[in-house]
Structure formats: C-alpha cells, structure tokens
C-alpha cells in the first residue's frame, strides 16, 4: 500500500478511537465518524475522474449481489432504490413517475424530507464526492438529526429529488435487494411474487387518488414458504401483513391503506388495499 494510503488509515484509527464514545452517546450520530472517514479517504486517495461508486453498507444487513451488479454499478450521479424492512415499514421506496422521475417518497418516517431514503437506499458516484468537497455528516446534520442524516447529507450535493436516478421501479416483479438480516428470509420468501388469484389490476389506471380496492391472495405455505412463514410462532396477522406489503410492491401498487389477514384455510394471506394505484 502506498504511504499516502497507510497514513490515511493510521489517522483513521486515531479518529475512530477518539470519536467512538462521541458517536455512541450522541443522539442520531451512530456511525457518522466511520462514514466521514470513508469520504475523506476517497478524497485524499482517489482521482476525481475514477469511475467508482460509494455505497454505505452495514455489517448487520443482508444484500443481494444484484444490488451491486444491477444498481450500484450503474449509478452515474446519485442512485436510489427500494429497501426492505426499515423505519418501521416492510418496504420503503422512492415514488417514481411515469417519466422516471422521483416525485415523492413512500416511507413511514417523515415522508416530507427532501431525500427520505435509508442509508442503504442510495449510492453516489465519486465524481460527486469531489464536486461537493465538503459534503459530510456534519454539525448541521446533528442539529436536525430527527430528520435523518441521509437527507441532510444528500441535500449538500445541490440536487433535487427529480435529479436522482431511480433503480428497479420498472421491474416486474418488484424486488428489494437489501434487508435487515434478522428478517431477511421471512420477507424474501414470503414475497415470492406469485400471481394473485383475485385482482382488479386492470381497473387501477386511475392516477394517484383513486379509492378502488385491490385484493390479492398470497400463498404462505408453498414449497419454500412453509418453514419460514410459520416459524417461531409468529402471529398469522403479522406474517400476512409483511407478505401483503411485499405483494403490493411487486404488483407495482402504492397502498395508502392496507391490511392482510389469514384465509380460513390458513394457507393463504388475503390482501386488501384501498387507494391502491399503479406506481
């Protein structure tokens, strides 16, 4: 390794040792130091013309290799995508218009944020890291930590949400390629995107304010789902809630109000969504 890189690592260790307690005891700041060190390392050791992308991954999450091959590898500015099991929701995702522009955020926590995405829901080409040389998780983010560090950080690049590059929104079935590790298998297998037995998909071309109801039946005891969806004594209603949220995303629907409940035979989830429209 070059001396320049070695010195950077030595300085990084010193900074981590100094700031470890600060991160742990400061509201909303956990992990900020590590990410700021990554930003500094890139700016000190990479060229601005290098074709590379920065992604903040955590060791307690699970990632599908397609996230890197299909999404991150193709980011040319700032890319965003859906994330599973985050912020109290089964799915959080950018809301993308028919023209391919991000126009809103389908999230539970503070949807009015300029960039209401999870840390695992975006990646940045390093040319933007050099262009916005002072972008970091800084004191301004600390002052507004209840709005989330992601939005504060991304705001510093000078883009609007319409300038973002959404990935995966055209896919059918929809896929979430990052999950919290503990619940990865439950959500992934329950969402094996089976075709609905009963649906009103053909009547859902009504914009974003419709009030029609969409119904789906999602099997929860198929070849791959029996052990997972019925494991650990999980409440059937909880299992169905997750399966139905995943099925709605797979069908390209946004559900303002939704519910999932077990069928009488115990082998299916019946999913009902109101105000359900095509994304």
Protein backbone atom coordinates (compact mmCIF):
# COMPACT_ATOMS: atom_id res chain seq x y z
CA UNK A 1 0.00 0.00 0.00
CA UNK A 2 1.23 3.48 -0.73
CA UNK A 3 2.46 5.56 2.18
CA UNK A 4 -0.28 8.05 1.48
CA UNK A 5 -2.93 5.39 1.98
CA UNK A 6 -1.17 3.97 5.03
CA UNK A 7 -1.06 7.36 6.71
CA UNK A 8 -4.74 7.81 5.99
CA UNK A 9 -5.50 4.51 7.70
CA UNK A 10 -3.38 5.45 10.71
CA UNK A 11 -5.18 8.78 11.00
CA UNK A 12 -8.49 6.99 10.61
CA UNK A 13 -7.75 4.65 13.52
CA UNK A 14 -6.81 7.60 15.70
CA UNK A 15 -10.00 9.42 14.80
CA UNK A 16 -12.13 6.34 15.40
CA UNK A 17 -10.57 5.81 18.83
CA UNK A 18 -11.22 9.44 19.72
CA UNK A 19 -14.77 9.60 18.40
CA UNK A 20 -16.07 6.17 19.36
CA UNK A 21 -17.62 7.43 22.57
CA UNK A 22 -18.98 10.55 20.89
CA UNK A 23 -20.83 8.50 18.29
CA UNK A 24 -22.23 6.15 20.90
CA UNK A 25 -23.53 8.87 23.18
CA UNK A 26 -24.80 11.42 20.66
CA UNK A 27 -28.40 11.23 19.51
CA UNK A 28 -28.65 10.23 15.88
CA UNK A 29 -24.88 10.16 15.28
CA UNK A 30 -24.04 6.48 15.46
CA UNK A 31 -21.71 5.54 12.62
CA UNK A 32 -21.21 9.08 11.33
CA UNK A 33 -17.48 9.09 12.05
CA UNK A 34 -16.90 5.94 10.00
CA UNK A 35 -18.72 7.38 7.03
CA UNK A 36 -16.94 10.72 7.24
CA UNK A 37 -13.62 8.88 7.32
CA UNK A 38 -14.62 6.99 4.19
CA UNK A 39 -15.43 10.27 2.46
CA UNK A 40 -12.09 11.75 3.50
CA UNK A 41 -10.19 8.67 2.40
CA UNK A 42 -11.77 8.81 -1.06
CA UNK A 43 -10.97 12.49 -1.48
CA UNK A 44 -7.36 12.00 -0.39
CA UNK A 45 -6.59 8.80 -2.28
CA UNK A 46 -8.79 8.61 -5.37
CA UNK A 47 -8.81 10.67 -8.53
CA UNK A 48 -11.89 12.67 -9.40
CA UNK A 49 -12.02 11.02 -12.85
CA UNK A 50 -12.08 7.49 -11.48
CA UNK A 51 -15.20 5.54 -12.41
CA UNK A 52 -16.29 4.32 -8.98
CA UNK A 53 -19.35 4.48 -6.74
CA UNK A 54 -19.65 4.97 -2.98
CA UNK A 55 -22.21 2.88 -1.06
CA UNK A 56 -22.63 2.88 2.72
CA UNK A 57 -23.11 -0.79 3.67
CA UNK A 58 -23.62 -2.07 7.22
CA UNK A 59 -22.38 -5.39 8.54
CA UNK A 60 -25.73 -6.19 10.17
CA UNK A 61 -27.72 -6.07 6.92
CA UNK A 62 -28.13 -8.57 4.10
CA UNK A 63 -27.51 -7.69 0.47
CA UNK A 64 -28.34 -9.42 -2.78
CA UNK A 65 -25.45 -9.45 -5.26
CA UNK A 66 -27.83 -7.99 -7.85
CA UNK A 67 -27.91 -4.78 -5.83
CA UNK A 68 -24.27 -4.25 -6.74
CA UNK A 69 -24.36 -5.62 -10.29
CA UNK A 70 -27.65 -4.14 -11.46
CA UNK A 71 -28.00 -0.95 -9.42
CA UNK A 72 -24.83 0.37 -7.79
CA UNK A 73 -22.52 -0.45 -10.70
CA UNK A 74 -24.72 1.67 -13.00
CA UNK A 75 -25.01 4.81 -10.86
CA UNK A 76 -23.75 7.86 -12.73
CA UNK A 77 -24.78 10.54 -10.22
CA UNK A 78 -26.92 9.55 -7.22
CA UNK A 79 -28.96 6.36 -7.44
CA UNK A 80 -31.89 5.35 -5.21
CA UNK A 81 -33.97 2.18 -4.80
CA UNK A 82 -36.40 0.33 -2.54
CA UNK A 83 -35.24 -1.03 0.82
CA UNK A 84 -36.93 -3.82 2.77
CA UNK A 85 -37.68 -3.84 6.50
CA UNK A 86 -36.64 -0.37 7.55
CA UNK A 87 -38.05 2.53 9.54
CA UNK A 88 -40.98 0.54 10.89
CA UNK A 89 -42.14 -0.39 7.38
CA UNK A 90 -41.85 -3.59 5.40
CA UNK A 91 -40.85 -1.60 2.34
CA UNK A 92 -39.65 1.96 1.78
CA UNK A 93 -39.12 3.20 -1.75
CA UNK A 94 -38.87 6.28 -3.93
CA UNK A 95 -42.15 7.13 -5.66
CA UNK A 96 -41.36 7.31 -9.36
CA UNK A 97 -43.48 8.96 -12.05
CA UNK A 98 -44.21 7.51 -15.48
CA UNK A 99 -41.42 9.74 -16.79
CA UNK A 100 -38.91 8.03 -14.50
CA UNK A 101 -38.56 10.93 -12.05
CA UNK A 102 -38.64 10.63 -8.26
CA UNK A 103 -41.62 12.74 -7.20
CA UNK A 104 -42.17 11.62 -3.60
CA UNK A 105 -41.19 9.02 -1.03
CA UNK A 106 -43.26 6.01 0.05
CA UNK A 107 -41.97 5.91 3.62
CA UNK A 108 -43.44 5.99 7.12
CA UNK A 109 -40.92 8.29 8.83
CA UNK A 110 -41.01 11.96 7.80
CA UNK A 111 -42.06 11.48 4.15
CA UNK A 112 -41.73 15.23 3.56
CA UNK A 113 -37.94 15.14 3.84
CA UNK A 114 -36.16 16.23 0.63
CA UNK A 115 -34.45 12.83 0.46
CA UNK A 116 -36.48 10.44 2.58
CA UNK A 117 -34.36 7.37 1.95
CA UNK A 118 -32.49 4.92 4.14
CA UNK A 119 -28.71 4.86 4.31
CA UNK A 120 -28.82 1.60 2.35
CA UNK A 121 -31.15 3.06 -0.27
CA UNK A 122 -28.71 5.22 -2.21
CA UNK A 123 -25.23 5.31 -3.74
CA UNK A 124 -23.14 8.19 -5.07
CA UNK A 125 -20.65 8.31 -7.91
CA UNK A 126 -17.36 9.61 -6.56
CA UNK A 127 -17.23 12.42 -9.10
CA UNK A 128 -20.00 13.98 -6.98
CA UNK A 129 -17.94 13.41 -3.83
CA UNK A 130 -15.20 15.55 -5.37
CA UNK A 131 -17.60 18.14 -6.74
CA UNK A 132 -19.24 18.65 -3.33
CA UNK A 133 -15.95 18.56 -1.45
CA UNK A 134 -17.42 19.48 1.92
CA UNK A 135 -20.43 17.17 1.90
CA UNK A 136 -20.36 15.19 5.15
CA UNK A 137 -22.36 14.13 8.17
CA UNK A 138 -21.67 17.40 9.95
CA UNK A 139 -22.91 19.62 12.76
CA UNK A 140 -25.85 20.83 10.69
CA UNK A 141 -26.99 17.23 10.40
CA UNK A 142 -26.59 16.86 14.15
CA UNK A 143 -28.84 19.87 14.77
CA UNK A 144 -31.55 18.30 12.62
CA UNK A 145 -30.90 14.66 13.45
CA UNK A 146 -34.61 13.89 13.86
CA UNK A 147 -34.98 14.44 10.11
CA UNK A 148 -32.38 11.76 9.45
CA UNK A 149 -28.73 12.05 8.41
CA UNK A 150 -29.40 10.73 4.91
CA UNK A 151 -31.49 13.70 3.83
CA UNK A 152 -29.06 16.18 5.39
CA UNK A 153 -26.11 14.55 3.64
CA UNK A 154 -27.73 14.31 0.21
CA UNK A 155 -29.00 17.88 0.33
CA UNK A 156 -25.38 19.07 0.33
CA UNK A 157 -24.90 17.87 -3.26
CA UNK A 158 -27.24 20.53 -4.61
CA UNK A 159 -29.70 18.19 -6.31
CA UNK A 160 -33.47 17.96 -6.13
CA UNK A 161 -35.17 14.60 -5.85
CA UNK A 162 -36.11 14.86 -9.53
CA UNK A 163 -32.40 14.64 -10.38
CA UNK A 164 -31.97 11.25 -8.71
CA UNK A 165 -31.58 8.01 -10.66
CA UNK A 166 -34.23 5.51 -9.52
CA UNK A 167 -33.48 1.81 -10.00
CA UNK A 168 -35.81 -1.17 -10.01
CA UNK A 169 -39.05 0.75 -10.40
CA UNK A 170 -39.70 -0.75 -13.85
CA UNK A 171 -39.01 -4.31 -12.77
CA UNK A 172 -41.82 -6.82 -12.60
CA UNK A 173 -41.93 -8.43 -10.23
CA UNK A 174 -40.52 -5.76 -7.95
CA UNK A 175 -37.51 -6.71 -5.88
CA UNK A 176 -35.94 -5.48 -2.66
CA UNK A 177 -32.24 -6.30 -2.63
CA UNK A 178 -31.33 -5.13 0.88
CA UNK A 179 -32.91 -6.34 4.11
CA UNK A 180 -32.23 -6.22 7.83
CA UNK A 181 -30.53 -9.55 8.32
CA UNK A 182 -32.74 -10.95 11.09
CA UNK A 183 -35.88 -10.80 8.93
CA UNK A 184 -34.37 -11.31 5.51
CA UNK A 185 -35.62 -14.82 4.89
CA UNK A 186 -39.13 -14.11 6.16
CA UNK A 187 -39.69 -11.16 3.85
CA UNK A 188 -37.82 -12.55 0.86
CA UNK A 189 -39.51 -15.94 0.80
CA UNK A 190 -42.98 -14.66 1.66
CA UNK A 191 -42.62 -12.31 -1.29
CA UNK A 192 -42.02 -14.94 -3.96
CA UNK A 193 -44.32 -12.85 -6.13
CA UNK A 194 -46.98 -15.40 -7.00
CA UNK A 195 -49.69 -14.24 -9.36
CA UNK A 196 -52.81 -13.12 -7.46
CA UNK A 197 -55.81 -15.40 -7.60
CA UNK A 198 -58.18 -12.45 -7.44
CA UNK A 199 -57.24 -9.00 -8.62
CA UNK A 200 -58.60 -5.80 -10.07
CA UNK A 201 -55.33 -4.71 -11.59
CA UNK A 202 -56.93 -3.83 -14.92
CA UNK A 203 -59.05 -1.14 -13.27
CA UNK A 204 -56.21 0.54 -11.40
CA UNK A 205 -55.13 3.03 -14.07
CA UNK A 206 -56.69 5.87 -12.10
CA UNK A 207 -53.78 8.07 -11.11
CA UNK A 208 -52.76 8.56 -7.50
CA UNK A 209 -56.04 9.48 -5.82
CA UNK A 210 -58.31 6.55 -6.61
CA UNK A 211 -60.39 4.82 -3.96
CA UNK A 212 -60.88 1.41 -5.54
CA UNK A 213 -59.95 -1.74 -3.71
CA UNK A 214 -57.39 -4.28 -4.87
CA UNK A 215 -57.47 -7.81 -3.48
CA UNK A 216 -54.75 -10.41 -3.67
CA UNK A 217 -54.33 -13.90 -2.34
CA UNK A 218 -50.75 -14.80 -1.50
CA UNK A 219 -49.80 -18.36 -0.61
CA UNK A 220 -47.89 -18.72 2.65
CA UNK A 221 -47.29 -22.46 2.60
CA UNK A 222 -45.74 -23.15 -0.79
CA UNK A 223 -42.68 -25.28 -1.29
CA UNK A 224 -40.34 -22.63 0.10
CA UNK A 225 -42.61 -20.76 2.46
CA UNK A 226 -43.94 -23.31 4.94
CA UNK A 227 -40.98 -23.37 7.30
CA UNK A 228 -40.29 -19.67 7.12
CA UNK A 229 -43.69 -18.05 7.26
CA UNK A 230 -44.97 -20.31 10.02
CA UNK A 231 -41.79 -20.43 12.09
CA UNK A 232 -41.26 -19.16 15.64
CA UNK A 233 -44.95 -18.98 16.45
CA UNK A 234 -45.35 -15.71 14.60
CA UNK A 235 -48.86 -14.31 14.65
CA UNK A 236 -50.60 -15.09 11.32
CA UNK A 237 -51.72 -11.49 11.00
CA UNK A 238 -48.12 -10.30 11.29
CA UNK A 239 -46.99 -12.79 8.65
CA UNK A 240 -49.71 -11.70 6.28
CA UNK A 241 -49.03 -8.02 6.81
CA UNK A 242 -45.49 -8.48 5.57
CA UNK A 243 -46.46 -10.74 2.68
CA UNK A 244 -49.15 -8.34 1.53
CA UNK A 245 -46.94 -5.28 1.65
CA UNK A 246 -44.35 -7.11 -0.43
CA UNK A 247 -47.01 -8.33 -2.88
CA UNK A 248 -48.34 -4.81 -3.36
CA UNK A 249 -44.89 -3.54 -4.27
CA UNK A 250 -44.38 -6.49 -6.60
CA UNK A 251 -47.60 -5.61 -8.40
CA UNK A 252 -46.48 -2.04 -8.86
CA UNK A 253 -49.09 -0.62 -6.49
CA UNK A 254 -48.88 2.02 -3.82
CA UNK A 255 -51.18 1.33 -0.89
CA UNK A 256 -52.34 4.26 1.19
CA UNK A 257 -54.32 1.96 3.47
CA UNK A 258 -53.86 -1.77 3.55
CA UNK A 259 -54.48 -4.91 5.54
CA UNK A 260 -53.53 -8.54 5.37
CA UNK A 261 -55.25 -11.38 7.16
CA UNK A 262 -55.17 -15.19 7.00
CA UNK A 263 -57.75 -17.04 4.97
CA UNK A 264 -59.98 -19.58 6.68
CA UNK A 265 -57.91 -22.46 5.35
CA UNK A 266 -54.78 -20.99 6.95
CA UNK A 267 -52.77 -21.45 3.77
CA UNK A 268 -53.20 -18.03 2.20
CA UNK A 269 -53.00 -14.38 3.07
CA UNK A 270 -55.82 -12.23 1.77
CA UNK A 271 -54.50 -8.78 1.00
CA UNK A 272 -56.79 -5.78 0.71
CA UNK A 273 -55.54 -2.35 -0.27
CA UNK A 274 -57.59 0.80 -0.53
CA UNK A 275 -56.48 3.82 -2.55
CA UNK A 276 -54.31 1.33 -4.43
CA UNK A 277 -52.96 2.66 -7.71
CA UNK A 278 -50.24 1.87 -10.16
CA UNK A 279 -46.88 3.38 -9.31
